[in-house]
All heavy atoms as atom14 arrays in JSON, in Angstrom:
{
  "sequence": "DVTVEEITHPRYGSPYPWPLNRILSYQKQWEVRRKMKAIGWAGKTLEQ",
  "atom14_mask": [
    [1, 1, 1, 1, 1, 1, 1, 1, 0, 0, 0, 0, 0, 0],
    [1, 1, 1, 1, 1, 1, 1, 0, 0, 0, 0, 0, 0, 0],
    [1, 1, 1, 1, 1, 1, 1, 0, 0, 0, 0, 0, 0, 0],
    [1, 1, 1, 1, 1, 1, 1, 0, 0, 0, 0, 0, 0, 0],
    [1, 1, 1, 1, 1, 1, 1, 1, 1, 0, 0, 0, 0, 0],
    [1, 1, 1, 1, 1, 1, 1, 1, 1, 0, 0, 0, 0, 0],
    [1, 1, 1, 1, 1, 1, 1, 1, 0, 0, 0, 0, 0, 0],
    [1, 1, 1, 1, 1, 1, 1, 0, 0, 0, 0, 0, 0, 0],
    [1, 1, 1, 1, 1, 1, 1, 1, 1, 1, 0, 0, 0, 0],
    [1, 1, 1, 1, 1, 1, 1, 0, 0, 0, 0, 0, 0, 0],
    [1, 1, 1, 1, 1, 1, 1, 1, 1, 1, 1, 0, 0, 0],
    [1, 1, 1, 1, 1, 1, 1, 1, 1, 1, 1, 1, 0, 0],
    [1, 1, 1, 1, 0, 0, 0, 0, 0, 0, 0, 0, 0, 0],
    [1, 1, 1, 1, 1, 1, 0, 0, 0, 0, 0, 0, 0, 0],
    [1, 1, 1, 1, 1, 1, 1, 0, 0, 0, 0, 0, 0, 0],
    [1, 1, 1, 1, 1, 1, 1, 1, 1, 1, 1, 1, 0, 0],
    [1, 1, 1, 1, 1, 1, 1, 0, 0, 0, 0, 0, 0, 0],
    [1, 1, 1, 1, 1, 1, 1, 1, 1, 1, 1, 1, 1, 1],
    [1, 1, 1, 1, 1, 1, 1, 0, 0, 0, 0, 0, 0, 0],
    [1, 1, 1, 1, 1, 1, 1, 1, 0, 0, 0, 0, 0, 0],
    [1, 1, 1, 1, 1, 1, 1, 1, 0, 0, 0, 0, 0, 0],
    [1, 1, 1, 1, 1, 1, 1, 1, 1, 1, 1, 0, 0, 0],
    [1, 1, 1, 1, 1, 1, 1, 1, 0, 0, 0, 0, 0, 0],
    [1, 1, 1, 1, 1, 1, 1, 1, 0, 0, 0, 0, 0, 0],
    [1, 1, 1, 1, 1, 1, 0, 0, 0, 0, 0, 0, 0, 0],
    [1, 1, 1, 1, 1, 1, 1, 1, 1, 1, 1, 1, 0, 0],
    [1, 1, 1, 1, 1, 1, 1, 1, 1, 0, 0, 0, 0, 0],
    [1, 1, 1, 1, 1, 1, 1, 1, 1, 0, 0, 0, 0, 0],
    [1, 1, 1, 1, 1, 1, 1, 1, 1, 0, 0, 0, 0, 0],
    [1, 1, 1, 1, 1, 1, 1, 1, 1, 1, 1, 1, 1, 1],
    [1, 1, 1, 1, 1, 1, 1, 1, 1, 0, 0, 0, 0, 0],
    [1, 1, 1, 1, 1, 1, 1, 0, 0, 0, 0, 0, 0, 0],
    [1, 1, 1, 1, 1, 1, 1, 1, 1, 1, 1, 0, 0, 0],
    [1, 1, 1, 1, 1, 1, 1, 1, 1, 1, 1, 0, 0, 0],
    [1, 1, 1, 1, 1, 1, 1, 1, 1, 0, 0, 0, 0, 0],
    [1, 1, 1, 1, 1, 1, 1, 1, 0, 0, 0, 0, 0, 0],
    [1, 1, 1, 1, 1, 1, 1, 1, 1, 0, 0, 0, 0, 0],
    [1, 1, 1, 1, 1, 0, 0, 0, 0, 0, 0, 0, 0, 0],
    [1, 1, 1, 1, 1, 1, 1, 1, 0, 0, 0, 0, 0, 0],
    [1, 1, 1, 1, 0, 0, 0, 0, 0, 0, 0, 0, 0, 0],
    [1, 1, 1, 1, 1, 1, 1, 1, 1, 1, 1, 1, 1, 1],
    [1, 1, 1, 1, 1, 0, 0, 0, 0, 0, 0, 0, 0, 0],
    [1, 1, 1, 1, 0, 0, 0, 0, 0, 0, 0, 0, 0, 0],
    [1, 1, 1, 1, 1, 1, 1, 1, 1, 0, 0, 0, 0, 0],
    [1, 1, 1, 1, 1, 1, 1, 0, 0, 0, 0, 0, 0, 0],
    [1, 1, 1, 1, 1, 1, 1, 1, 0, 0, 0, 0, 0, 0],
    [1, 1, 1, 1, 1, 1, 1, 1, 1, 0, 0, 0, 0, 0],
    [1, 1, 1, 1, 1, 1, 1, 1, 1, 0, 0, 0, 0, 0]
  ],
  "atom14_positions": [
    [[-9.63, -9.01, -5.92], [-10.79, -8.49, -5.16], [-10.95, -9.21, -3.78], [-11.35, -8.58, -2.88], [-11.99, -8.73, -5.98], [-12.09, -7.77, -7.3], [-11.35, -6.76, -7.08], [-12.7, -8.07, -8.19], [0.0, 0.0, 0.0], [0.0, 0.0, 0.0], [0.0, 0.0, 0.0], [0.0, 0.0, 0.0], [0.0, 0.0, 0.0], [0.0, 0.0, 0.0]],
    [[-10.75, -10.56, -3.71], [-10.95, -11.28, -2.52], [-9.95, -10.82, -1.42], [-10.26, -10.51, -0.25], [-10.84, -12.79, -2.67], [-11.01, -13.5, -1.4], [-11.85, -13.22, -3.71], [0.0, 0.0, 0.0], [0.0, 0.0, 0.0], [0.0, 0.0, 0.0], [0.0, 0.0, 0.0], [0.0, 0.0, 0.0], [0.0, 0.0, 0.0], [0.0, 0.0, 0.0]],
    [[-8.64, -10.67, -1.86], [-7.69, -10.17, -0.87], [-7.9, -8.76, -0.46], [-7.74, -8.42, 0.7], [-6.25, -10.26, -1.58], [-6.03, -11.61, -2.08], [-5.17, -9.86, -0.59], [0.0, 0.0, 0.0], [0.0, 0.0, 0.0], [0.0, 0.0, 0.0], [0.0, 0.0, 0.0], [0.0, 0.0, 0.0], [0.0, 0.0, 0.0], [0.0, 0.0, 0.0]],
    [[-8.33, -7.95, -1.42], [-8.71, -6.48, -1.06], [-9.7, -6.51, 0.05], [-9.53, -5.76, 1.0], [-9.17, -5.79, -2.31], [-9.75, -4.36, -1.99], [-7.98, -5.5, -3.31], [0.0, 0.0, 0.0], [0.0, 0.0, 0.0], [0.0, 0.0, 0.0], [0.0, 0.0, 0.0], [0.0, 0.0, 0.0], [0.0, 0.0, 0.0], [0.0, 0.0, 0.0]],
    [[-10.8, -7.25, -0.15], [-11.89, -7.16, 0.78], [-11.58, -7.79, 2.19], [-11.95, -7.3, 3.23], [-13.18, -7.71, 0.22], [-13.87, -6.9, -0.81], [-14.16, -5.46, -0.3], [-14.71, -5.35, 0.84], [-13.79, -4.55, -0.96], [0.0, 0.0, 0.0], [0.0, 0.0, 0.0], [0.0, 0.0, 0.0], [0.0, 0.0, 0.0], [0.0, 0.0, 0.0]],
    [[-10.89, -8.91, 2.13], [-10.73, -9.66, 3.31], [-9.42, -9.27, 4.09], [-9.42, -9.45, 5.3], [-10.6, -11.2, 2.99], [-12.0, -11.7, 2.47], [-12.07, -13.29, 2.45], [-11.22, -13.89, 3.25], [-12.9, -13.76, 1.76], [0.0, 0.0, 0.0], [0.0, 0.0, 0.0], [0.0, 0.0, 0.0], [0.0, 0.0, 0.0], [0.0, 0.0, 0.0]],
    [[-8.42, -8.8, 3.4], [-7.17, -8.45, 4.07], [-6.77, -6.98, 3.93], [-6.52, -6.25, 5.0], [-6.02, -9.35, 3.55], [-6.25, -10.81, 3.93], [-4.64, -8.89, 4.12], [-5.2, -11.73, 3.35], [0.0, 0.0, 0.0], [0.0, 0.0, 0.0], [0.0, 0.0, 0.0], [0.0, 0.0, 0.0], [0.0, 0.0, 0.0], [0.0, 0.0, 0.0]],
    [[-6.77, -6.45, 2.73], [-6.08, -5.18, 2.48], [-6.95, -4.01, 3.13], [-6.36, -3.2, 3.9], [-5.95, -4.9, 1.0], [-5.24, -5.99, 0.42], [-5.13, -3.65, 0.77], [0.0, 0.0, 0.0], [0.0, 0.0, 0.0], [0.0, 0.0, 0.0], [0.0, 0.0, 0.0], [0.0, 0.0, 0.0], [0.0, 0.0, 0.0], [0.0, 0.0, 0.0]],
    [[-8.17, -3.89, 2.84], [-8.96, -2.8, 3.36], [-9.05, -2.87, 4.86], [-8.78, -1.79, 5.49], [-10.38, -2.8, 2.71], [-10.41, -2.14, 1.34], [-11.64, -2.04, 0.6], [-9.42, -1.6, 0.6], [-11.36, -1.46, -0.55], [-10.03, -1.21, -0.59], [0.0, 0.0, 0.0], [0.0, 0.0, 0.0], [0.0, 0.0, 0.0], [0.0, 0.0, 0.0]],
    [[-9.33, -4.01, 5.5], [-9.38, -3.98, 6.95], [-8.07, -3.56, 7.59], [-8.0, -2.88, 8.58], [-9.73, -5.46, 7.26], [-10.48, -6.0, 6.03], [-9.77, -5.29, 4.9], [0.0, 0.0, 0.0], [0.0, 0.0, 0.0], [0.0, 0.0, 0.0], [0.0, 0.0, 0.0], [0.0, 0.0, 0.0], [0.0, 0.0, 0.0], [0.0, 0.0, 0.0]],
    [[-6.99, -4.09, 7.05], [-5.67, -3.77, 7.63], [-5.22, -2.36, 7.41], [-4.77, -1.71, 8.28], [-4.6, -4.77, 7.13], [-4.65, -6.18, 7.82], [-3.49, -7.09, 7.39], [-2.24, -6.68, 7.96], [-1.83, -7.07, 9.15], [-2.52, -7.77, 9.95], [-0.59, -6.56, 9.53], [0.0, 0.0, 0.0], [0.0, 0.0, 0.0], [0.0, 0.0, 0.0]],
    [[-5.34, -1.9, 6.12], [-4.82, -0.65, 5.83], [-5.64, 0.5, 6.57], [-4.97, 1.49, 6.96], [-5.0, -0.34, 4.3], [-4.32, 0.83, 3.77], [-2.95, 0.92, 3.53], [-5.01, 1.98, 3.58], [-2.33, 2.07, 3.09], [-4.46, 3.15, 3.15], [-3.08, 3.19, 2.95], [-2.33, 4.37, 2.47], [0.0, 0.0, 0.0], [0.0, 0.0, 0.0]],
    [[-6.83, 0.33, 6.72], [-7.69, 1.35, 7.37], [-7.8, 1.18, 8.9], [-8.45, 2.0, 9.55], [0.0, 0.0, 0.0], [0.0, 0.0, 0.0], [0.0, 0.0, 0.0], [0.0, 0.0, 0.0], [0.0, 0.0, 0.0], [0.0, 0.0, 0.0], [0.0, 0.0, 0.0], [0.0, 0.0, 0.0], [0.0, 0.0, 0.0], [0.0, 0.0, 0.0]],
    [[-7.26, 0.09, 9.39], [-7.4, -0.26, 10.77], [-7.19, 0.83, 11.93], [-7.92, 0.87, 12.85], [-6.61, -1.56, 11.13], [-5.25, -1.23, 11.09], [0.0, 0.0, 0.0], [0.0, 0.0, 0.0], [0.0, 0.0, 0.0], [0.0, 0.0, 0.0], [0.0, 0.0, 0.0], [0.0, 0.0, 0.0], [0.0, 0.0, 0.0], [0.0, 0.0, 0.0]],
    [[-6.21, 1.7, 11.68], [-6.03, 2.67, 12.73], [-7.06, 3.77, 12.79], [-7.01, 4.62, 13.7], [-4.63, 3.27, 12.45], [-3.95, 2.37, 11.41], [-5.16, 1.83, 10.7], [0.0, 0.0, 0.0], [0.0, 0.0, 0.0], [0.0, 0.0, 0.0], [0.0, 0.0, 0.0], [0.0, 0.0, 0.0], [0.0, 0.0, 0.0], [0.0, 0.0, 0.0]],
    [[-7.83, 3.85, 11.67], [-8.69, 5.14, 11.61], [-10.18, 4.72, 11.78], [-10.63, 3.59, 11.49], [-8.48, 5.65, 10.19], [-7.01, 5.91, 9.89], [-6.33, 5.07, 9.02], [-6.34, 6.95, 10.49], [-4.97, 5.25, 8.74], [-5.01, 7.19, 10.21], [-4.3, 6.29, 9.42], [-3.02, 6.54, 9.15], [0.0, 0.0, 0.0], [0.0, 0.0, 0.0]],
    [[-10.99, 5.66, 12.24], [-12.41, 5.45, 12.44], [-13.13, 5.47, 11.09], [-12.65, 5.99, 10.04], [-12.87, 6.63, 13.24], [-11.93, 7.73, 12.9], [-10.56, 7.07, 12.66], [0.0, 0.0, 0.0], [0.0, 0.0, 0.0], [0.0, 0.0, 0.0], [0.0, 0.0, 0.0], [0.0, 0.0, 0.0], [0.0, 0.0, 0.0], [0.0, 0.0, 0.0]],
    [[-14.38, 4.9, 11.09], [-15.16, 4.98, 9.83], [-15.78, 6.3, 9.78], [-16.15, 7.0, 10.78], [-16.39, 3.89, 10.04], [-17.13, 3.72, 8.8], [-16.91, 2.9, 7.78], [-18.35, 4.46, 8.43], [-17.86, 3.04, 6.77], [-18.71, 4.06, 7.14], [-18.99, 5.51, 8.98], [-19.81, 4.56, 6.52], [-20.13, 6.06, 8.35], [-20.57, 5.54, 7.12]],
    [[-15.88, 6.95, 8.55], [-15.65, 6.41, 7.34], [-14.21, 6.68, 6.71], [-13.86, 6.36, 5.57], [-16.63, 7.17, 6.37], [-16.7, 8.52, 7.0], [-16.52, 8.41, 8.48], [0.0, 0.0, 0.0], [0.0, 0.0, 0.0], [0.0, 0.0, 0.0], [0.0, 0.0, 0.0], [0.0, 0.0, 0.0], [0.0, 0.0, 0.0], [0.0, 0.0, 0.0]],
    [[-13.3, 7.35, 7.57], [-12.05, 7.63, 7.09], [-11.21, 6.38, 6.68], [-10.55, 6.38, 5.74], [-11.27, 8.41, 8.19], [-9.78, 8.97, 7.89], [-9.87, 9.84, 6.64], [-9.15, 9.51, 9.09], [0.0, 0.0, 0.0], [0.0, 0.0, 0.0], [0.0, 0.0, 0.0], [0.0, 0.0, 0.0], [0.0, 0.0, 0.0], [0.0, 0.0, 0.0]],
    [[-11.42, 5.24, 7.39], [-10.66, 4.05, 7.11], [-11.0, 3.58, 5.72], [-10.1, 3.2, 4.93], [-11.06, 2.96, 8.14], [-12.51, 2.64, 8.26], [-13.32, 3.34, 7.69], [-12.86, 1.51, 8.89], [0.0, 0.0, 0.0], [0.0, 0.0, 0.0], [0.0, 0.0, 0.0], [0.0, 0.0, 0.0], [0.0, 0.0, 0.0], [0.0, 0.0, 0.0]],
    [[-12.27, 3.72, 5.28], [-12.64, 3.26, 3.9], [-12.13, 4.28, 2.91], [-11.66, 3.92, 1.84], [-14.17, 3.12, 3.8], [-14.73, 2.1, 4.72], [-14.16, 0.68, 4.4], [-14.87, -0.02, 3.33], [-14.48, -1.25, 2.99], [-13.63, -1.97, 3.63], [-15.11, -1.84, 1.97], [0.0, 0.0, 0.0], [0.0, 0.0, 0.0], [0.0, 0.0, 0.0]],
    [[-12.3, 5.6, 3.2], [-11.88, 6.6, 2.26], [-10.32, 6.46, 1.91], [-9.93, 6.49, 0.77], [-12.13, 8.04, 2.82], [-13.62, 8.25, 2.85], [-11.5, 9.11, 1.95], [-14.11, 9.45, 3.65], [0.0, 0.0, 0.0], [0.0, 0.0, 0.0], [0.0, 0.0, 0.0], [0.0, 0.0, 0.0], [0.0, 0.0, 0.0], [0.0, 0.0, 0.0]],
    [[-9.51, 6.32, 2.98], [-8.07, 6.19, 2.8], [-7.72, 4.91, 2.03], [-6.81, 4.96, 1.11], [-7.32, 6.16, 4.13], [-7.31, 7.5, 4.84], [-6.76, 7.32, 6.26], [-6.62, 8.6, 4.07], [0.0, 0.0, 0.0], [0.0, 0.0, 0.0], [0.0, 0.0, 0.0], [0.0, 0.0, 0.0], [0.0, 0.0, 0.0], [0.0, 0.0, 0.0]],
    [[-8.47, 3.79, 2.26], [-8.17, 2.53, 1.56], [-8.52, 2.72, 0.12], [-7.81, 2.24, -0.76], [-8.98, 1.38, 2.21], [-8.57, 1.13, 3.48], [0.0, 0.0, 0.0], [0.0, 0.0, 0.0], [0.0, 0.0, 0.0], [0.0, 0.0, 0.0], [0.0, 0.0, 0.0], [0.0, 0.0, 0.0], [0.0, 0.0, 0.0], [0.0, 0.0, 0.0]],
    [[-9.66, 3.29, -0.2], [-10.05, 3.45, -1.63], [-9.13, 4.37, -2.38], [-8.88, 4.22, -3.55], [-11.58, 3.92, -1.68], [-12.5, 2.83, -1.46], [-13.4, 2.8, -0.45], [-12.52, 1.73, -2.33], [-14.28, 1.77, -0.23], [-13.38, 0.63, -2.13], [-14.32, 0.75, -1.09], [-15.2, -0.34, -0.89], [0.0, 0.0, 0.0], [0.0, 0.0, 0.0]],
    [[-8.64, 5.42, -1.63], [-7.74, 6.34, -2.25], [-6.39, 5.58, -2.68], [-5.89, 5.75, -3.75], [-7.32, 7.45, -1.28], [-8.27, 8.61, -1.3], [-7.84, 9.7, -0.36], [-6.89, 9.53, 0.48], [-8.42, 10.92, -0.49], [0.0, 0.0, 0.0], [0.0, 0.0, 0.0], [0.0, 0.0, 0.0], [0.0, 0.0, 0.0], [0.0, 0.0, 0.0]],
    [[-5.93, 4.83, -1.74], [-4.7, 4.02, -1.99], [-4.96, 2.97, -3.13], [-4.1, 2.83, -3.99], [-4.29, 3.32, -0.66], [-2.93, 2.51, -0.79], [-1.83, 3.46, -0.93], [-0.49, 2.78, -0.9], [0.67, 3.63, -0.97], [0.0, 0.0, 0.0], [0.0, 0.0, 0.0], [0.0, 0.0, 0.0], [0.0, 0.0, 0.0], [0.0, 0.0, 0.0]],
    [[-6.1, 2.37, -3.1], [-6.44, 1.37, -4.1], [-6.45, 2.01, -5.41], [-5.9, 1.49, -6.49], [-7.82, 0.67, -3.8], [-8.1, -0.46, -4.78], [-9.36, -1.18, -4.39], [-9.94, -0.9, -3.32], [-9.75, -2.17, -5.18], [0.0, 0.0, 0.0], [0.0, 0.0, 0.0], [0.0, 0.0, 0.0], [0.0, 0.0, 0.0], [0.0, 0.0, 0.0]],
    [[-7.06, 3.18, -5.54], [-7.12, 3.96, -6.86], [-5.74, 4.27, -7.33], [-5.42, 4.09, -8.58], [-7.97, 5.18, -6.65], [-8.07, 6.0, -7.92], [-8.92, 5.77, -8.99], [-7.35, 7.11, -8.26], [-8.76, 6.71, -9.93], [-7.81, 7.6, -9.55], [-6.37, 7.88, -7.58], [-7.27, 8.72, -10.21], [-5.76, 9.07, -8.26], [-6.26, 9.44, -9.52]],
    [[-4.89, 4.72, -6.41], [-3.42, 5.07, -6.73], [-2.66, 3.92, -7.29], [-2.04, 4.0, -8.31], [-2.87, 5.67, -5.52], [-1.44, 6.1, -5.63], [-0.82, 6.34, -4.2], [-1.5, 7.04, -3.35], [0.27, 5.82, -3.91], [0.0, 0.0, 0.0], [0.0, 0.0, 0.0], [0.0, 0.0, 0.0], [0.0, 0.0, 0.0], [0.0, 0.0, 0.0]],
    [[-2.8, 2.75, -6.56], [-2.03, 1.56, -7.02], [-2.6, 1.02, -8.3], [-1.78, 0.64, -9.22], [-2.07, 0.52, -5.91], [-1.43, -0.87, -6.48], [-1.4, 0.94, -4.63], [0.0, 0.0, 0.0], [0.0, 0.0, 0.0], [0.0, 0.0, 0.0], [0.0, 0.0, 0.0], [0.0, 0.0, 0.0], [0.0, 0.0, 0.0], [0.0, 0.0, 0.0]],
    [[-3.89, 1.04, -8.49], [-4.51, 0.48, -9.74], [-4.16, 1.42, -10.94], [-3.97, 0.93, -12.06], [-6.03, 0.37, -9.6], [-6.41, -0.8, -8.73], [-7.85, -1.18, -8.76], [-8.12, -2.42, -7.91], [-9.26, -3.01, -7.88], [-10.33, -2.6, -8.62], [-9.39, -4.14, -7.22], [0.0, 0.0, 0.0], [0.0, 0.0, 0.0], [0.0, 0.0, 0.0]],
    [[-3.99, 2.69, -10.7], [-3.58, 3.59, -11.84], [-2.12, 3.32, -12.18], [-1.87, 3.25, -13.37], [-3.7, 5.06, -11.29], [-3.54, 6.09, -12.38], [-3.68, 7.5, -11.79], [-2.82, 7.75, -10.77], [-2.53, 8.99, -10.28], [-3.24, 10.04, -10.76], [-1.62, 9.21, -9.36], [0.0, 0.0, 0.0], [0.0, 0.0, 0.0], [0.0, 0.0, 0.0]],
    [[-1.31, 3.01, -11.17], [-0.01, 2.58, -11.5], [0.08, 1.29, -12.22], [0.86, 1.12, -13.23], [0.82, 2.47, -10.17], [2.35, 2.03, -10.41], [3.01, 1.63, -9.15], [4.34, 1.07, -9.45], [5.06, 0.6, -8.29], [0.0, 0.0, 0.0], [0.0, 0.0, 0.0], [0.0, 0.0, 0.0], [0.0, 0.0, 0.0], [0.0, 0.0, 0.0]],
    [[-0.72, 0.33, -11.87], [-0.75, -1.0, -12.55], [-1.18, -0.83, -14.02], [-0.64, -1.43, -14.93], [-1.71, -1.91, -11.87], [-1.33, -2.42, -10.48], [0.19, -3.43, -10.55], [0.75, -3.26, -8.91], [0.0, 0.0, 0.0], [0.0, 0.0, 0.0], [0.0, 0.0, 0.0], [0.0, 0.0, 0.0], [0.0, 0.0, 0.0], [0.0, 0.0, 0.0]],
    [[-2.15, 0.1, -14.24], [-2.51, 0.43, -15.62], [-1.45, 0.97, -16.41], [-1.14, 0.63, -17.53], [-3.8, 1.42, -15.57], [-4.61, 1.37, -16.8], [-5.83, 2.19, -16.53], [-6.76, 2.17, -17.86], [-7.94, 2.93, -17.7], [0.0, 0.0, 0.0], [0.0, 0.0, 0.0], [0.0, 0.0, 0.0], [0.0, 0.0, 0.0], [0.0, 0.0, 0.0]],
    [[-0.61, 1.92, -15.83], [0.43, 2.57, -16.49], [1.51, 1.65, -16.9], [2.19, 1.8, -17.94], [0.95, 3.7, -15.57], [0.0, 0.0, 0.0], [0.0, 0.0, 0.0], [0.0, 0.0, 0.0], [0.0, 0.0, 0.0], [0.0, 0.0, 0.0], [0.0, 0.0, 0.0], [0.0, 0.0, 0.0], [0.0, 0.0, 0.0], [0.0, 0.0, 0.0]],
    [[1.75, 0.53, -16.07], [2.93, -0.35, -16.44], [2.37, -1.65, -17.1], [3.09, -2.6, -17.38], [3.67, -0.76, -15.16], [2.8, -1.5, -14.13], [4.34, 0.46, -14.56], [3.59, -2.01, -12.9], [0.0, 0.0, 0.0], [0.0, 0.0, 0.0], [0.0, 0.0, 0.0], [0.0, 0.0, 0.0], [0.0, 0.0, 0.0], [0.0, 0.0, 0.0]],
    [[1.08, -1.64, -17.38], [0.57, -2.77, -18.27], [0.13, -4.02, -17.43], [0.07, -5.14, -17.98], [0.0, 0.0, 0.0], [0.0, 0.0, 0.0], [0.0, 0.0, 0.0], [0.0, 0.0, 0.0], [0.0, 0.0, 0.0], [0.0, 0.0, 0.0], [0.0, 0.0, 0.0], [0.0, 0.0, 0.0], [0.0, 0.0, 0.0], [0.0, 0.0, 0.0]],
    [[0.0, -3.79, -16.11], [-0.34, -4.98, -15.16], [-1.87, -5.05, -14.92], [-2.32, -6.08, -14.36], [0.4, -4.92, -13.93], [1.74, -5.48, -14.01], [2.78, -5.11, -14.88], [2.33, -6.55, -13.21], [3.99, -5.85, -14.65], [3.7, -6.73, -13.58], [1.87, -7.29, -12.18], [4.55, -7.65, -13.03], [2.74, -8.2, -11.51], [4.09, -8.38, -12.01]],
    [[-2.57, -4.0, -15.2], [-4.0, -4.0, -14.89], [-4.85, -5.04, -15.46], [-5.77, -5.64, -14.89], [-4.61, -2.62, -15.2], [0.0, 0.0, 0.0], [0.0, 0.0, 0.0], [0.0, 0.0, 0.0], [0.0, 0.0, 0.0], [0.0, 0.0, 0.0], [0.0, 0.0, 0.0], [0.0, 0.0, 0.0], [0.0, 0.0, 0.0], [0.0, 0.0, 0.0]],
    [[-4.47, -5.48, -16.69], [-5.25, -6.52, -17.32], [-4.78, -7.91, -17.07], [-5.36, -8.87, -17.62], [0.0, 0.0, 0.0], [0.0, 0.0, 0.0], [0.0, 0.0, 0.0], [0.0, 0.0, 0.0], [0.0, 0.0, 0.0], [0.0, 0.0, 0.0], [0.0, 0.0, 0.0], [0.0, 0.0, 0.0], [0.0, 0.0, 0.0], [0.0, 0.0, 0.0]],
    [[-3.74, -8.09, -16.21], [-3.23, -9.43, -15.95], [-4.14, -10.2, -15.04], [-4.88, -9.63, -14.21], [-1.87, -9.4, -15.22], [-0.71, -8.88, -16.27], [0.61, -9.13, -15.56], [1.71, -8.81, -16.57], [3.0, -9.28, -16.04], [0.0, 0.0, 0.0], [0.0, 0.0, 0.0], [0.0, 0.0, 0.0], [0.0, 0.0, 0.0], [0.0, 0.0, 0.0]],
    [[-4.24, -11.54, -15.22], [-4.88, -12.35, -14.28], [-3.96, -12.73, -13.16], [-2.78, -12.57, -13.24], [-5.38, -13.65, -14.96], [-4.16, -14.41, -15.39], [-6.27, -13.35, -16.2], [0.0, 0.0, 0.0], [0.0, 0.0, 0.0], [0.0, 0.0, 0.0], [0.0, 0.0, 0.0], [0.0, 0.0, 0.0], [0.0, 0.0, 0.0], [0.0, 0.0, 0.0]],
    [[-4.56, -13.26, -12.06], [-3.75, -13.64, -10.91], [-2.77, -14.79, -11.34], [-1.61, -14.83, -10.96], [-4.61, -14.19, -9.88], [-3.89, -14.65, -8.51], [-3.02, -13.56, -7.96], [-4.97, -15.11, -7.47], [0.0, 0.0, 0.0], [0.0, 0.0, 0.0], [0.0, 0.0, 0.0], [0.0, 0.0, 0.0], [0.0, 0.0, 0.0], [0.0, 0.0, 0.0]],
    [[-3.24, -15.64, -12.26], [-2.35, -16.73, -12.73], [-1.15, -16.2, -13.45], [0.02, -16.66, -13.31], [-3.13, -17.68, -13.75], [-4.13, -18.58, -12.96], [-5.32, -17.8, -12.35], [-5.69, -16.73, -12.94], [-5.91, -18.22, -11.34], [0.0, 0.0, 0.0], [0.0, 0.0, 0.0], [0.0, 0.0, 0.0], [0.0, 0.0, 0.0], [0.0, 0.0, 0.0]],
    [[-1.29, -15.17, -14.26], [-0.24, -14.48, -15.0], [0.79, -13.89, -14.03], [1.99, -13.9, -14.23], [-0.72, -13.47, -16.02], [-1.49, -14.1, -17.17], [-2.15, -13.06, -18.07], [-2.81, -12.17, -17.54], [-2.0, -13.23, -19.37], [0.0, 0.0, 0.0], [0.0, 0.0, 0.0], [0.0, 0.0, 0.0], [0.0, 0.0, 0.0], [0.0, 0.0, 0.0]]
  ]
}
C-alpha cells in the first residue's frame, strides 16, 4: 500500500490528466491484484 500510494500511482498515471490518471492506475492495480490472487500471492506478506 505505501509503495502504491507514494510511487506507483503517481508514476503510472503521470502522463495523463486527472481523473484519467487515477482511473488508469486503479484499472492496472485491479488487473495485477487479480493475477496475484490467481497465482496464490495475494495473501502473502511483504516479508514472505
